[in-house]
Amino acid sequence: MKNFKMKEFECRCRCGMPETAKVNIEAMVLSILDPVRDNFAAPIKVNSGYRCKKHNAEVGGAFQSQHLCQGDSAAADIAAESRGYENMKAWREANKMIGGLIIKNGKFDQLILENVGEHDLLPTWIHVSFRRGGGNRGQVLKKIAGKKGYVALTSDEICSLLGSRFKFQGSR
C-alpha cells in the first residue's frame, strides 16, 4: 500500500480488524485506490473502510455490506480531501473525477456515487468495493440525495464521468 495506511480503514468504533479484512483491504488498495490516487494527484480521504457488524448496523449499513470485509470482499467510502477547494461544487467535481478514474481503471466490483443531485453526478462521497478473488461486476450506481434506493448510471452518464473524449462501447 503506497498511498494509504491500514489505520485509515479501521472500524470507527476502534474494535480492531480481523486479518481477513486486512488482506481484502490491501488487495482493494493495490488494485483500485493506489492507482487512482497516483492519477488524481491530490489527497483522498477514507471516510469508512472496514466495519464490524455492530458498527455497520449502527450506521445503517446493509446486512451483507462489503464493508464487513467477509469472504474476499472489501469496500471503502472515499472522497477528495476537502481542504484547498474554493467551494463545495469544486470539491464535488473532484469527487466526480475520482469516480471517473475508478471506472477507467476497470478493477472494481461496485461504485456508487453517493448523495448526487437530481440532475448532476456530483457526489459527496464514493462507495467502491472489490473482490480479490475475481468476479468483480463493474456495477456503477448513483444514490440521489433525499431519495430511496440506487439507480444504475446510463451509458451517457458513464461517458460524462470518463470525459468527453471517451466513447462508450458495449454494456457494463
Foldseek 3Di string as FASTA:
>chain_A
DPQDDVVLADAPVPPDDDPLQVVLVVLCCVQAVVVLCVVLVADKHWPYWAHDQVVCVVVPHDNPDLSVSPDQKIKTKMFTDPPPAPDPQRRLVSQLLSVLSRVVSVAFQEKEQEQAAPPDSRGPIIMTMHGSVDPRHSWYWYDHPPDDDIHGDDQVNSDVSNDDVDDDDDDD
